[in-house]
């Protein structure tokens, strides 16, 4: 899959250095993956879940949340948000017009 854009991961790591290893491990797996549906994703990430039009990954033992738009047909992953668990729980990210 093509992951767009790794820049959000780098920016998040600048503030939350403890998330970097887990985020880049996810990135390395995702860019080599050929996922066709959520069940394929859950073979590797069992706790990944669909929330609205997005897929949410728990990062670093659920301390962080990675929210992406997975477009299976074109094999692209658009990184939308990387949030702390507290930021995720506020649900402000759900105000995205594509949710």
N, C-alpha and C. Protein backbone atom coordinates (compact mmCIF):
# COMPACT_ATOMS: atom_id res chain seq x y z
N UNK A 1 0.85 -1.17 0.00
CA UNK A 1 0.00 0.00 0.00
C UNK A 1 0.89 1.23 0.00
N UNK A 2 0.40 2.28 -0.58
CA UNK A 2 1.14 3.55 -0.57
C UNK A 2 0.61 4.40 0.59
N UNK A 3 1.50 4.79 1.47
CA UNK A 3 1.12 5.56 2.66
C UNK A 3 1.38 7.03 2.41
N UNK A 4 0.32 7.83 2.58
CA UNK A 4 0.37 9.27 2.34
C UNK A 4 -0.16 9.96 3.59
N UNK A 5 0.47 10.71 4.27
CA UNK A 5 1.81 11.20 4.17
C UNK A 5 2.53 10.90 5.47
N UNK A 6 3.76 10.46 5.34
CA UNK A 6 4.57 10.14 6.51
C UNK A 6 4.92 11.38 7.32
N UNK A 7 4.74 12.54 6.72
CA UNK A 7 5.04 13.80 7.39
C UNK A 7 4.27 13.92 8.71
N UNK A 8 3.02 13.52 8.74
CA UNK A 8 2.23 13.58 9.97
C UNK A 8 2.84 12.71 11.06
N UNK A 9 3.40 11.58 10.68
CA UNK A 9 4.05 10.72 11.67
C UNK A 9 5.28 11.42 12.24
N UNK A 10 6.08 12.01 11.36
CA UNK A 10 7.29 12.72 11.83
C UNK A 10 6.93 13.86 12.77
N UNK A 11 5.91 14.63 12.40
CA UNK A 11 5.51 15.77 13.24
C UNK A 11 5.02 15.30 14.61
N UNK A 12 4.26 14.22 14.63
CA UNK A 12 3.77 13.70 15.90
C UNK A 12 4.92 13.22 16.77
N UNK A 13 5.91 12.60 16.15
CA UNK A 13 7.07 12.10 16.88
C UNK A 13 7.90 13.21 17.51
N UNK A 14 7.86 14.38 16.92
CA UNK A 14 8.58 15.50 17.51
C UNK A 14 8.05 15.84 18.90
N UNK A 15 6.76 15.68 19.09
CA UNK A 15 6.15 15.97 20.40
C UNK A 15 6.04 14.74 21.30
N UNK A 16 5.96 13.58 20.68
CA UNK A 16 5.73 12.33 21.43
C UNK A 16 6.75 11.30 20.99
N UNK A 17 8.00 11.50 21.43
CA UNK A 17 9.10 10.64 20.99
C UNK A 17 8.87 9.17 21.33
N UNK A 18 8.14 8.90 22.39
CA UNK A 18 7.92 7.51 22.78
C UNK A 18 7.01 6.77 21.80
N UNK A 19 6.35 7.48 20.91
CA UNK A 19 5.46 6.85 19.92
C UNK A 19 6.19 6.47 18.63
N UNK A 20 7.39 6.98 18.44
CA UNK A 20 8.08 6.85 17.15
C UNK A 20 8.31 5.40 16.73
N UNK A 21 8.85 4.59 17.60
CA UNK A 21 9.14 3.21 17.22
C UNK A 21 7.87 2.49 16.79
N UNK A 22 6.80 2.66 17.53
CA UNK A 22 5.54 1.98 17.21
C UNK A 22 4.93 2.52 15.91
N UNK A 23 4.99 3.83 15.71
CA UNK A 23 4.44 4.40 14.48
C UNK A 23 5.23 3.96 13.25
N UNK A 24 6.55 3.96 13.37
CA UNK A 24 7.35 3.55 12.22
C UNK A 24 7.27 2.05 11.98
N UNK A 25 7.04 1.27 13.02
CA UNK A 25 6.80 -0.17 12.82
C UNK A 25 5.51 -0.36 12.04
N UNK A 26 4.47 0.40 12.41
CA UNK A 26 3.20 0.34 11.67
C UNK A 26 3.44 0.73 10.21
N UNK A 27 4.19 1.80 9.99
CA UNK A 27 4.46 2.29 8.65
C UNK A 27 5.16 1.22 7.79
N UNK A 28 6.17 0.57 8.36
CA UNK A 28 6.90 -0.45 7.62
C UNK A 28 5.99 -1.61 7.22
N UNK A 29 5.09 -2.00 8.11
CA UNK A 29 4.15 -3.08 7.80
C UNK A 29 3.15 -2.62 6.75
N UNK A 30 2.58 -1.43 6.95
CA UNK A 30 1.52 -0.93 6.06
C UNK A 30 2.01 -0.75 4.64
N UNK A 31 3.22 -0.23 4.45
CA UNK A 31 3.69 0.03 3.09
C UNK A 31 3.95 -1.26 2.31
N UNK A 32 4.14 -2.37 3.00
CA UNK A 32 4.34 -3.66 2.34
C UNK A 32 3.06 -4.47 2.21
N UNK A 33 2.00 -4.02 2.88
CA UNK A 33 0.75 -4.77 2.91
C UNK A 33 -0.01 -4.66 1.60
N UNK A 34 -0.88 -5.64 1.39
CA UNK A 34 -1.83 -5.59 0.28
C UNK A 34 -3.20 -5.92 0.87
N UNK A 35 -3.75 -4.95 1.57
CA UNK A 35 -5.04 -5.14 2.23
C UNK A 35 -6.17 -4.86 1.25
N UNK A 36 -7.20 -5.69 1.33
CA UNK A 36 -8.37 -5.54 0.45
C UNK A 36 -9.64 -5.24 1.22
N UNK A 37 -9.57 -5.39 2.55
CA UNK A 37 -10.72 -5.10 3.40
C UNK A 37 -10.26 -5.09 4.85
N UNK A 38 -11.17 -4.73 5.75
CA UNK A 38 -10.82 -4.62 7.16
C UNK A 38 -10.38 -5.97 7.73
N UNK A 39 -10.95 -7.04 7.26
CA UNK A 39 -10.55 -8.36 7.76
C UNK A 39 -9.08 -8.64 7.45
N UNK A 40 -8.60 -8.20 6.29
CA UNK A 40 -7.18 -8.34 5.97
C UNK A 40 -6.33 -7.55 6.96
N UNK A 41 -6.75 -6.34 7.25
CA UNK A 41 -6.03 -5.49 8.21
C UNK A 41 -5.99 -6.17 9.57
N UNK A 42 -7.11 -6.71 9.99
CA UNK A 42 -7.22 -7.31 11.32
C UNK A 42 -6.44 -8.62 11.45
N UNK A 43 -6.00 -9.19 10.36
CA UNK A 43 -5.11 -10.35 10.44
C UNK A 43 -3.78 -9.94 11.07
N UNK A 44 -3.36 -8.71 10.83
CA UNK A 44 -2.10 -8.20 11.38
C UNK A 44 -2.35 -7.33 12.61
N UNK A 45 -3.41 -6.53 12.56
CA UNK A 45 -3.76 -5.62 13.65
C UNK A 45 -5.18 -5.96 14.13
N UNK A 46 -5.32 -6.97 14.99
CA UNK A 46 -6.64 -7.44 15.40
C UNK A 46 -7.54 -6.38 16.04
N UNK A 47 -6.94 -5.36 16.63
CA UNK A 47 -7.75 -4.34 17.30
C UNK A 47 -8.07 -3.16 16.40
N UNK A 48 -7.63 -3.19 15.15
CA UNK A 48 -7.99 -2.13 14.20
C UNK A 48 -9.49 -2.17 14.01
N UNK A 49 -10.09 -0.97 13.91
CA UNK A 49 -11.53 -0.94 13.75
C UNK A 49 -11.95 0.17 12.80
N UNK A 50 -13.08 -0.05 12.16
CA UNK A 50 -13.66 0.96 11.29
C UNK A 50 -14.50 1.89 12.16
N UNK A 51 -14.25 3.18 12.01
CA UNK A 51 -15.04 4.20 12.71
C UNK A 51 -15.43 5.22 11.66
N UNK A 52 -16.69 5.22 11.30
CA UNK A 52 -17.13 6.06 10.19
C UNK A 52 -16.43 5.60 8.92
N UNK A 53 -15.86 6.53 8.18
CA UNK A 53 -15.13 6.19 6.96
C UNK A 53 -13.65 5.93 7.20
N UNK A 54 -13.24 5.94 8.44
CA UNK A 54 -11.83 5.79 8.77
C UNK A 54 -11.54 4.44 9.41
N UNK A 55 -10.26 4.10 9.44
CA UNK A 55 -9.78 2.94 10.17
C UNK A 55 -8.89 3.47 11.29
N UNK A 56 -9.10 2.95 12.49
CA UNK A 56 -8.37 3.41 13.66
C UNK A 56 -7.47 2.29 14.16
N UNK A 57 -6.19 2.63 14.34
CA UNK A 57 -5.20 1.70 14.88
C UNK A 57 -4.80 2.15 16.27
N UNK A 58 -4.71 1.21 17.20
CA UNK A 58 -4.16 1.48 18.52
C UNK A 58 -2.65 1.40 18.41
N UNK A 59 -1.98 2.42 18.90
CA UNK A 59 -0.52 2.49 18.82
C UNK A 59 0.05 2.53 20.23
N UNK A 60 1.09 1.77 20.44
CA UNK A 60 1.81 1.72 21.71
C UNK A 60 0.87 1.39 22.87
N UNK A 61 0.24 0.23 22.76
CA UNK A 61 -0.62 -0.25 23.84
C UNK A 61 -1.82 0.64 24.08
N UNK A 62 -2.37 1.21 23.02
CA UNK A 62 -3.57 2.04 23.09
C UNK A 62 -3.30 3.42 23.68
N UNK A 63 -2.04 3.79 23.82
CA UNK A 63 -1.72 5.13 24.32
C UNK A 63 -1.99 6.19 23.26
N UNK A 64 -1.82 5.79 22.00
CA UNK A 64 -2.04 6.70 20.89
C UNK A 64 -2.99 6.06 19.88
N UNK A 65 -3.60 6.90 19.05
CA UNK A 65 -4.50 6.41 18.01
C UNK A 65 -4.06 6.98 16.67
N UNK A 66 -3.96 6.10 15.71
CA UNK A 66 -3.64 6.47 14.34
C UNK A 66 -4.91 6.30 13.52
N UNK A 67 -5.36 7.39 12.91
CA UNK A 67 -6.62 7.38 12.16
C UNK A 67 -6.28 7.59 10.69
N UNK A 68 -6.70 6.64 9.87
CA UNK A 68 -6.35 6.68 8.45
C UNK A 68 -7.59 6.45 7.59
N UNK A 69 -7.46 6.87 6.37
CA UNK A 69 -8.46 6.57 5.34
C UNK A 69 -7.83 5.52 4.45
N UNK A 70 -8.32 4.30 4.52
CA UNK A 70 -7.81 3.20 3.70
C UNK A 70 -8.63 3.10 2.43
N UNK A 71 -7.96 3.26 1.30
CA UNK A 71 -8.64 3.13 0.01
C UNK A 71 -8.11 1.84 -0.61
N UNK A 72 -8.86 0.79 -0.41
CA UNK A 72 -8.41 -0.54 -0.80
C UNK A 72 -8.25 -0.67 -2.31
N UNK A 73 -9.14 -0.09 -3.08
CA UNK A 73 -9.11 -0.23 -4.54
C UNK A 73 -7.81 0.31 -5.12
N UNK A 74 -7.39 1.48 -4.66
CA UNK A 74 -6.15 2.08 -5.17
C UNK A 74 -4.92 1.73 -4.33
N UNK A 75 -5.13 0.93 -3.26
CA UNK A 75 -4.04 0.52 -2.37
C UNK A 75 -3.30 1.73 -1.79
N UNK A 76 -4.10 2.68 -1.28
CA UNK A 76 -3.53 3.87 -0.65
C UNK A 76 -4.05 4.03 0.77
N UNK A 77 -3.18 4.54 1.62
CA UNK A 77 -3.54 4.86 3.00
C UNK A 77 -3.25 6.34 3.18
N UNK A 78 -4.27 7.09 3.52
CA UNK A 78 -4.11 8.51 3.81
C UNK A 78 -4.13 8.69 5.32
N UNK A 79 -3.01 9.10 5.87
CA UNK A 79 -2.95 9.35 7.31
C UNK A 79 -3.69 10.63 7.59
N UNK A 80 -4.71 10.56 8.42
CA UNK A 80 -5.53 11.73 8.74
C UNK A 80 -5.13 12.36 10.07
N UNK A 81 -4.98 11.52 11.09
CA UNK A 81 -4.69 12.03 12.43
C UNK A 81 -3.82 11.04 13.18
N UNK A 82 -2.95 11.58 14.03
CA UNK A 82 -2.27 10.80 15.05
C UNK A 82 -2.57 11.55 16.34
N UNK A 83 -3.22 10.87 17.26
CA UNK A 83 -3.72 11.53 18.46
C UNK A 83 -3.34 10.76 19.72
N UNK A 84 -3.25 11.48 20.82
CA UNK A 84 -3.15 10.78 22.10
C UNK A 84 -4.52 10.17 22.38
N UNK A 85 -4.55 9.25 23.31
CA UNK A 85 -5.83 8.62 23.64
C UNK A 85 -6.82 9.68 24.14
N UNK A 86 -6.34 10.63 24.92
CA UNK A 86 -7.20 11.70 25.43
C UNK A 86 -7.77 12.57 24.32
N UNK A 87 -6.94 12.92 23.35
CA UNK A 87 -7.42 13.72 22.21
C UNK A 87 -8.45 12.94 21.40
N UNK A 88 -8.20 11.66 21.23
CA UNK A 88 -9.13 10.81 20.48
C UNK A 88 -10.50 10.78 21.16
N UNK A 89 -10.49 10.65 22.47
CA UNK A 89 -11.75 10.56 23.23
C UNK A 89 -12.58 11.82 23.17
N UNK A 90 -11.98 12.95 22.86
CA UNK A 90 -12.74 14.20 22.73
C UNK A 90 -13.63 14.20 21.49
N UNK A 91 -13.35 13.30 20.55
CA UNK A 91 -14.14 13.14 19.33
C UNK A 91 -14.11 14.32 18.38
N UNK A 92 -13.23 15.29 18.58
CA UNK A 92 -13.17 16.44 17.67
C UNK A 92 -12.76 16.03 16.26
N UNK A 93 -11.99 14.98 16.14
CA UNK A 93 -11.56 14.50 14.83
C UNK A 93 -12.75 14.03 14.00
N UNK A 94 -13.84 13.70 14.66
CA UNK A 94 -15.03 13.23 13.94
C UNK A 94 -15.74 14.37 13.21
N UNK A 95 -15.32 15.60 13.42
CA UNK A 95 -15.89 16.73 12.71
C UNK A 95 -15.39 16.81 11.27
N UNK A 96 -14.46 15.95 10.91
CA UNK A 96 -13.98 15.89 9.53
C UNK A 96 -15.15 15.61 8.61
N UNK A 97 -15.26 16.32 7.55
CA UNK A 97 -16.43 16.22 6.67
C UNK A 97 -16.56 14.86 6.01
N UNK A 98 -15.53 14.05 6.03
CA UNK A 98 -15.60 12.73 5.41
C UNK A 98 -16.00 11.65 6.40
N UNK A 99 -16.15 12.01 7.65
CA UNK A 99 -16.51 11.02 8.66
C UNK A 99 -17.91 10.51 8.33
